[in-house]
Amino acid sequence: MSAPELLRSPLRPADLLLRDVRLLDPREDIDARHDLLVRGGSIAELAAPGTLTPGDDFELVEGQGRLSV
């Protein structure tokens, strides 16, 4: 007897704001703290720490200087 097939809903692309995280991107010469907005699973905006506001349906992650690569 075979195991039953597992069903799951398709995942929605992420909408989130990483607030005040340290970003490293050597190709763009970035090594600094920023807010990082992800919309539909893609990076949408970088801004100074604490300046971006998430939308109503965005997840907010407080970075407090944590590293995001």
PDB file of N, CA and C in Angstrom:
ATOM      1  N   MET A   1       0.852  -1.171   0.000  1.00  0.00           N
ATOM      2  CA  MET A   1       0.000   0.000   0.000  1.00  0.00           C
ATOM      3  C   MET A   1       0.905   1.243   0.000  1.00  0.00           C
ATOM      4  N   SER A   2       0.620   2.170  -0.877  1.00  0.00           N
ATOM      5  CA  SER A   2       1.456   3.373  -0.978  1.00  0.00           C
ATOM      6  C   SER A   2       0.942   4.454  -0.028  1.00  0.00           C
ATOM      7  N   ALA A   3       1.853   5.355   0.341  1.00  0.00           N
ATOM      8  CA  ALA A   3       1.500   6.465   1.243  1.00  0.00           C
ATOM      9  C   ALA A   3       0.597   7.443   0.501  1.00  0.00           C
ATOM     10  N   PRO A   4      -0.331   8.079   1.222  1.00  0.00           N
ATOM     11  CA  PRO A   4      -1.200   9.056   0.564  1.00  0.00           C
ATOM     12  C   PRO A   4      -0.391  10.263   0.100  1.00  0.00           C
ATOM     13  N   GLU A   5      -0.820  10.839  -1.009  1.00  0.00           N
ATOM     14  CA  GLU A   5      -0.151  12.025  -1.553  1.00  0.00           C
ATOM     15  C   GLU A   5      -0.427  13.221  -0.639  1.00  0.00           C
ATOM     16  N   LEU A   6       0.626  13.972  -0.344  1.00  0.00           N
ATOM     17  CA  LEU A   6       0.461  15.174   0.475  1.00  0.00           C
ATOM     18  C   LEU A   6       0.092  16.343  -0.416  1.00  0.00           C
ATOM     19  N   LEU A   7      -0.883  17.081   0.006  1.00  0.00           N
ATOM     20  CA  LEU A   7      -1.311  18.248  -0.759  1.00  0.00           C
ATOM     21  C   LEU A   7      -0.966  19.509   0.016  1.00  0.00           C
ATOM     22  N   ARG A   8      -0.582  20.550  -0.697  1.00  0.00           N
ATOM     23  CA  ARG A   8      -0.314  21.828  -0.050  1.00  0.00           C
ATOM     24  C   ARG A   8      -0.724  22.944  -0.993  1.00  0.00           C
ATOM     25  N   SER A   9      -1.016  24.071  -0.416  1.00  0.00           N
ATOM     26  CA  SER A   9      -1.355  25.242  -1.213  1.00  0.00           C
ATOM     27  C   SER A   9      -0.077  25.829  -1.811  1.00  0.00           C
ATOM     28  N   PRO A  10      -0.171  26.405  -3.000  1.00  0.00           N
ATOM     29  CA  PRO A  10       1.012  27.069  -3.553  1.00  0.00           C
ATOM     30  C   PRO A  10       1.421  28.231  -2.646  1.00  0.00           C
ATOM     31  N   LEU A  11       2.714  28.396  -2.466  1.00  0.00           N
ATOM     32  CA  LEU A  11       3.205  29.466  -1.605  1.00  0.00           C
ATOM     33  C   LEU A  11       3.143  30.802  -2.324  1.00  0.00           C
ATOM     34  N   ARG A  12       2.762  31.812  -1.593  1.00  0.00           N
ATOM     35  CA  ARG A  12       2.700  33.173  -2.105  1.00  0.00           C
ATOM     36  C   ARG A  12       4.094  33.793  -1.967  1.00  0.00           C
ATOM     37  N   PRO A  13       4.594  34.500  -2.975  1.00  0.00           N
ATOM     38  CA  PRO A  13       5.888  35.162  -2.840  1.00  0.00           C
ATOM     39  C   PRO A  13       5.889  36.123  -1.646  1.00  0.00           C
ATOM     40  N   ALA A  14       7.040  36.238  -1.012  1.00  0.00           N
ATOM     41  CA  ALA A  14       7.169  37.026   0.212  1.00  0.00           C
ATOM     42  C   ALA A  14       6.967  38.520  -0.020  1.00  0.00           C
ATOM     43  N   ASP A  15       6.284  39.148   0.929  1.00  0.00           N
ATOM     44  CA  ASP A  15       6.185  40.599   1.053  1.00  0.00           C
ATOM     45  C   ASP A  15       6.628  40.913   2.466  1.00  0.00           C
ATOM     46  N   LEU A  16       7.828  41.466   2.618  1.00  0.00           N
ATOM     47  CA  LEU A  16       8.307  41.741   3.969  1.00  0.00           C
ATOM     48  C   LEU A  16       9.259  42.913   3.982  1.00  0.00           C
ATOM     49  N   LEU A  17       9.416  43.465   5.168  1.00  0.00           N
ATOM     50  CA  LEU A  17      10.354  44.554   5.393  1.00  0.00           C
ATOM     51  C   LEU A  17      11.355  44.093   6.437  1.00  0.00           C
ATOM     52  N   LEU A  18      12.623  44.063   6.060  1.00  0.00           N
ATOM     53  CA  LEU A  18      13.714  43.819   6.996  1.00  0.00           C
ATOM     54  C   LEU A  18      14.200  45.192   7.417  1.00  0.00           C
ATOM     55  N   ARG A  19      13.944  45.551   8.662  1.00  0.00           N
ATOM     56  CA  ARG A  19      14.258  46.902   9.126  1.00  0.00           C
ATOM     57  C   ARG A  19      15.590  46.899   9.874  1.00  0.00           C
ATOM     58  N   ASP A  20      16.466  47.811   9.454  1.00  0.00           N
ATOM     59  CA  ASP A  20      17.759  48.040  10.100  1.00  0.00           C
ATOM     60  C   ASP A  20      18.614  46.779  10.151  1.00  0.00           C
ATOM     61  N   VAL A  21      18.912  46.240   8.960  1.00  0.00           N
ATOM     62  CA  VAL A  21      19.813  45.094   8.850  1.00  0.00           C
ATOM     63  C   VAL A  21      21.096  45.535   8.150  1.00  0.00           C
ATOM     64  N   ARG A  22      22.178  44.847   8.436  1.00  0.00           N
ATOM     65  CA  ARG A  22      23.443  45.143   7.758  1.00  0.00           C
ATOM     66  C   ARG A  22      23.468  44.360   6.457  1.00  0.00           C
ATOM     67  N   LEU A  23      23.568  45.071   5.353  1.00  0.00           N
ATOM     68  CA  LEU A  23      23.592  44.450   4.033  1.00  0.00           C
ATOM     69  C   LEU A  23      25.010  44.407   3.502  1.00  0.00           C
ATOM     70  N   LEU A  24      25.379  43.279   2.909  1.00  0.00           N
ATOM     71  CA  LEU A  24      26.668  43.111   2.267  1.00  0.00           C
ATOM     72  C   LEU A  24      26.451  42.693   0.822  1.00  0.00           C
ATOM     73  N   ASP A  25      26.960  43.485  -0.111  1.00  0.00           N
ATOM     74  CA  ASP A  25      26.938  43.129  -1.527  1.00  0.00           C
ATOM     75  C   ASP A  25      28.213  43.676  -2.148  1.00  0.00           C
ATOM     76  N   PRO A  26      29.264  42.840  -2.233  1.00  0.00           N
ATOM     77  CA  PRO A  26      30.531  43.325  -2.762  1.00  0.00           C
ATOM     78  C   PRO A  26      30.450  43.795  -4.209  1.00  0.00           C
ATOM     79  N   ARG A  27      29.524  43.227  -5.000  1.00  0.00           N
ATOM     80  CA  ARG A  27      29.396  43.657  -6.399  1.00  0.00           C
ATOM     81  C   ARG A  27      28.918  45.095  -6.501  1.00  0.00           C
ATOM     82  N   GLU A  28      28.092  45.521  -5.543  1.00  0.00           N
ATOM     83  CA  GLU A  28      27.567  46.886  -5.540  1.00  0.00           C
ATOM     84  C   GLU A  28      28.282  47.769  -4.521  1.00  0.00           C
ATOM     85  N   ASP A  29      29.332  47.237  -3.888  1.00  0.00           N
ATOM     86  CA  ASP A  29      30.112  47.952  -2.875  1.00  0.00           C
ATOM     87  C   ASP A  29      29.220  48.440  -1.724  1.00  0.00           C
ATOM     88  N   ILE A  30      28.333  47.547  -1.255  1.00  0.00           N
ATOM     89  CA  ILE A  30      27.449  47.869  -0.131  1.00  0.00           C
ATOM     90  C   ILE A  30      27.906  47.091   1.096  1.00  0.00           C
ATOM     91  N   ASP A  31      28.145  47.787   2.171  1.00  0.00           N
ATOM     92  CA  ASP A  31      28.424  47.211   3.481  1.00  0.00           C
ATOM     93  C   ASP A  31      27.934  48.235   4.498  1.00  0.00           C
ATOM     94  N   ALA A  32      26.634  48.223   4.754  1.00  0.00           N
ATOM     95  CA  ALA A  32      26.035  49.237   5.625  1.00  0.00           C
ATOM     96  C   ALA A  32      24.676  48.749   6.122  1.00  0.00           C
ATOM     97  N   ARG A  33      24.155  49.461   7.107  1.00  0.00           N
ATOM     98  CA  ARG A  33      22.823  49.165   7.641  1.00  0.00           C
ATOM     99  C   ARG A  33      21.777  49.874   6.790  1.00  0.00           C
ATOM    100  N   HIS A  34      20.718  49.136   6.464  1.00  0.00           N
ATOM    101  CA  HIS A  34      19.627  49.635   5.625  1.00  0.00           C
ATOM    102  C   HIS A  34      18.312  49.002   6.051  1.00  0.00           C
ATOM    103  N   ASP A  35      17.218  49.565   5.553  1.00  0.00           N
ATOM    104  CA  ASP A  35      15.928  48.882   5.497  1.00  0.00           C
ATOM    105  C   ASP A  35      15.879  48.220   4.129  1.00  0.00           C
ATOM    106  N   LEU A  36      15.349  46.995   4.067  1.00  0.00           N
ATOM    107  CA  LEU A  36      15.256  46.245   2.823  1.00  0.00           C
ATOM    108  C   LEU A  36      13.811  45.806   2.640  1.00  0.00           C
ATOM    109  N   LEU A  37      13.170  46.276   1.579  1.00  0.00           N
ATOM    110  CA  LEU A  37      11.783  45.938   1.290  1.00  0.00           C
ATOM    111  C   LEU A  37      11.743  44.866   0.211  1.00  0.00           C
ATOM    112  N   VAL A  38      11.065  43.762   0.508  1.00  0.00           N
ATOM    113  CA  VAL A  38      10.886  42.669  -0.439  1.00  0.00           C
ATOM    114  C   VAL A  38       9.411  42.631  -0.819  1.00  0.00           C
ATOM    115  N   ARG A  39       9.144  42.733  -2.109  1.00  0.00           N
ATOM    116  CA  ARG A  39       7.763  42.721  -2.601  1.00  0.00           C
ATOM    117  C   ARG A  39       7.640  41.624  -3.655  1.00  0.00           C
ATOM    118  N   GLY A  40       6.713  40.708  -3.446  1.00  0.00           N
ATOM    119  CA  GLY A  40       6.519  39.618  -4.412  1.00  0.00           C
ATOM    120  C   GLY A  40       7.732  38.723  -4.543  1.00  0.00           C
ATOM    121  N   GLY A  41       8.540  38.621  -3.473  1.00  0.00           N
ATOM    122  CA  GLY A  41       9.696  37.752  -3.478  1.00  0.00           C
ATOM    123  C   GLY A  41      10.959  38.365  -4.048  1.00  0.00           C
ATOM    124  N   SER A  42      10.909  39.627  -4.477  1.00  0.00           N
ATOM    125  CA  SER A  42      12.074  40.303  -5.049  1.00  0.00           C
ATOM    126  C   SER A  42      12.386  41.576  -4.275  1.00  0.00           C
ATOM    127  N   ILE A  43      13.654  41.931  -4.226  1.00  0.00           N
ATOM    128  CA  ILE A  43      14.043  43.181  -3.563  1.00  0.00           C
ATOM    129  C   ILE A  43      13.437  44.344  -4.329  1.00  0.00           C
ATOM    130  N   ALA A  44      12.683  45.177  -3.601  1.00  0.00           N
ATOM    131  CA  ALA A  44      11.995  46.301  -4.230  1.00  0.00           C
ATOM    132  C   ALA A  44      12.637  47.637  -3.883  1.00  0.00           C
ATOM    133  N   GLU A  45      13.233  47.731  -2.675  1.00  0.00           N
ATOM    134  CA  GLU A  45      13.753  49.034  -2.261  1.00  0.00           C
ATOM    135  C   GLU A  45      14.750  48.881  -1.124  1.00  0.00           C
ATOM    136  N   LEU A  46      15.773  49.735  -1.149  1.00  0.00           N
ATOM    137  CA  LEU A  46      16.723  49.901  -0.047  1.00  0.00           C
ATOM    138  C   LEU A  46      16.595  51.332   0.438  1.00  0.00           C
ATOM    139  N   ALA A  47      16.683  51.534   1.742  1.00  0.00           N
ATOM    140  CA  ALA A  47      16.580  52.890   2.292  1.00  0.00           C
ATOM    141  C   ALA A  47      17.359  52.957   3.599  1.00  0.00           C
ATOM    142  N   ALA A  48      17.534  54.159   4.091  1.00  0.00           N
ATOM    143  CA  ALA A  48      18.211  54.363   5.371  1.00  0.00           C
ATOM    144  C   ALA A  48      17.448  53.636   6.474  1.00  0.00           C
ATOM    145  N   PRO A  49      18.158  53.160   7.510  1.00  0.00           N
ATOM    146  CA  PRO A  49      17.499  52.410   8.587  1.00  0.00           C
ATOM    147  C   PRO A  49      16.357  53.190   9.232  1.00  0.00           C
ATOM    148  N   GLY A  50      15.222  52.504   9.396  1.00  0.00           N
ATOM    149  CA  GLY A  50      14.077  53.092  10.075  1.00  0.00           C
ATOM    150  C   GLY A  50      13.231  54.028   9.236  1.00  0.00           C
ATOM    151  N   THR A  51      13.480  54.088   7.917  1.00  0.00           N
ATOM    152  CA  THR A  51      12.736  55.048   7.094  1.00  0.00           C
ATOM    153  C   THR A  51      11.620  54.430   6.268  1.00  0.00           C
ATOM    154  N   LEU A  52      11.644  53.108   6.062  1.00  0.00           N
ATOM    155  CA  LEU A  52      10.576  52.473   5.286  1.00  0.00           C
ATOM    156  C   LEU A  52       9.460  51.996   6.208  1.00  0.00           C
ATOM    157  N   THR A  53       8.232  52.048   5.703  1.00  0.00           N
ATOM    158  CA  THR A  53       7.065  51.592   6.445  1.00  0.00           C
ATOM    159  C   THR A  53       6.444  50.425   5.686  1.00  0.00           C
ATOM    160  N   PRO A  54       6.214  49.286   6.364  1.00  0.00           N
ATOM    161  CA  PRO A  54       5.626  48.145   5.659  1.00  0.00           C
ATOM    162  C   PRO A  54       4.156  48.394   5.339  1.00  0.00           C
ATOM    163  N   GLY A  55       3.675  47.757   4.272  1.00  0.00           N
ATOM    164  CA  GLY A  55       2.257  47.800   3.963  1.00  0.00           C
ATOM    165  C   GLY A  55       1.476  46.960   4.958  1.00  0.00           C
ATOM    166  N   ASP A  56       0.161  47.028   4.873  1.00  0.00           N
ATOM    167  CA  ASP A  56      -0.697  46.305   5.821  1.00  0.00           C
ATOM    168  C   ASP A  56      -0.469  44.798   5.797  1.00  0.00           C
ATOM    169  N   ASP A  57      -0.184  44.240   4.617  1.00  0.00           N
ATOM    170  CA  ASP A  57      -0.031  42.798   4.509  1.00  0.00           C
ATOM    171  C   ASP A  57       1.438  42.365   4.448  1.00  0.00           C
ATOM    172  N   PHE A  58       2.355  43.243   4.830  1.00  0.00           N
ATOM    173  CA  PHE A  58       3.782  42.917   4.849  1.00  0.00           C
ATOM    174  C   PHE A  58       4.183  42.383   6.219  1.00  0.00           C
ATOM    175  N   GLU A  59       5.085  41.423   6.213  1.00  0.00           N
ATOM    176  CA  GLU A  59       5.678  40.951   7.460  1.00  0.00           C
ATOM    177  C   GLU A  59       6.831  41.895   7.804  1.00  0.00           C
ATOM    178  N   LEU A  60       6.963  42.249   9.065  1.00  0.00           N
ATOM    179  CA  LEU A  60       8.033  43.127   9.527  1.00  0.00           C
ATOM    180  C   LEU A  60       9.019  42.315  10.348  1.00  0.00           C
ATOM    181  N   VAL A  61      10.309  42.397   9.973  1.00  0.00           N
ATOM    182  CA  VAL A  61      11.381  41.738  10.715  1.00  0.00           C
ATOM    183  C   VAL A  61      12.308  42.836  11.206  1.00  0.00           C
ATOM    184  N   GLU A  62      12.392  42.992  12.528  1.00  0.00           N
ATOM    185  CA  GLU A  62      13.291  43.988  13.120  1.00  0.00           C
ATOM    186  C   GLU A  62      14.696  43.409  13.157  1.00  0.00           C
ATOM    187  N   GLY A  63      15.596  44.028  12.426  1.00  0.00           N
ATOM    188  CA  GLY A  63      16.949  43.494  12.328  1.00  0.00           C
ATOM    189  C   GLY A  63      17.885  43.968  13.411  1.00  0.00           C
ATOM    190  N   GLN A  64      17.733  45.198  13.842  1.00  0.00           N
ATOM    191  CA  GLN A  64      18.590  45.785  14.871  1.00  0.00           C
ATOM    192  C   GLN A  64      20.067  45.550  14.566  1.00  0.00           C
ATOM    193  N   GLY A  65      20.442  45.786  13.301  1.00  0.00           N
ATOM    194  CA  GLY A  65      21.827  45.680  12.886  1.00  0.00           C
ATOM    195  C   GLY A  65      22.294  44.283  12.527  1.00  0.00           C
ATOM    196  N   ARG A  66      21.393  43.300  12.556  1.00  0.00           N
ATOM    197  CA  ARG A  66      21.797  41.937  12.204  1.00  0.00           C
ATOM    198  C   ARG A  66      22.244  41.893  10.742  1.00  0.00           C
ATOM    199  N   LEU A  67      22.997  40.879  10.396  1.00  0.00           N
ATOM    200  CA  LEU A  67      23.589  40.742   9.070  1.00  0.00           C
ATOM    201  C   LEU A  67      22.643  40.047   8.109  1.00  0.00           C
ATOM    202  N   SER A  68      22.469  40.614   6.904  1.00  0.00           N
ATOM    203  CA  SER A  68      21.677  40.004   5.835  1.00  0.00           C
ATOM    204  C   SER A  68      22.540  39.989   4.591  1.00  0.00           C
ATOM    205  N   VAL A  69      22.832  38.789   4.075  1.00  0.00           N
ATOM    206  CA  VAL A  69      23.708  38.660   2.907  1.00  0.00           C
ATOM    207  C   VAL A  69      22.893  38.107   1.746  1.00  0.00           C
TER     208      VAL A  69
END
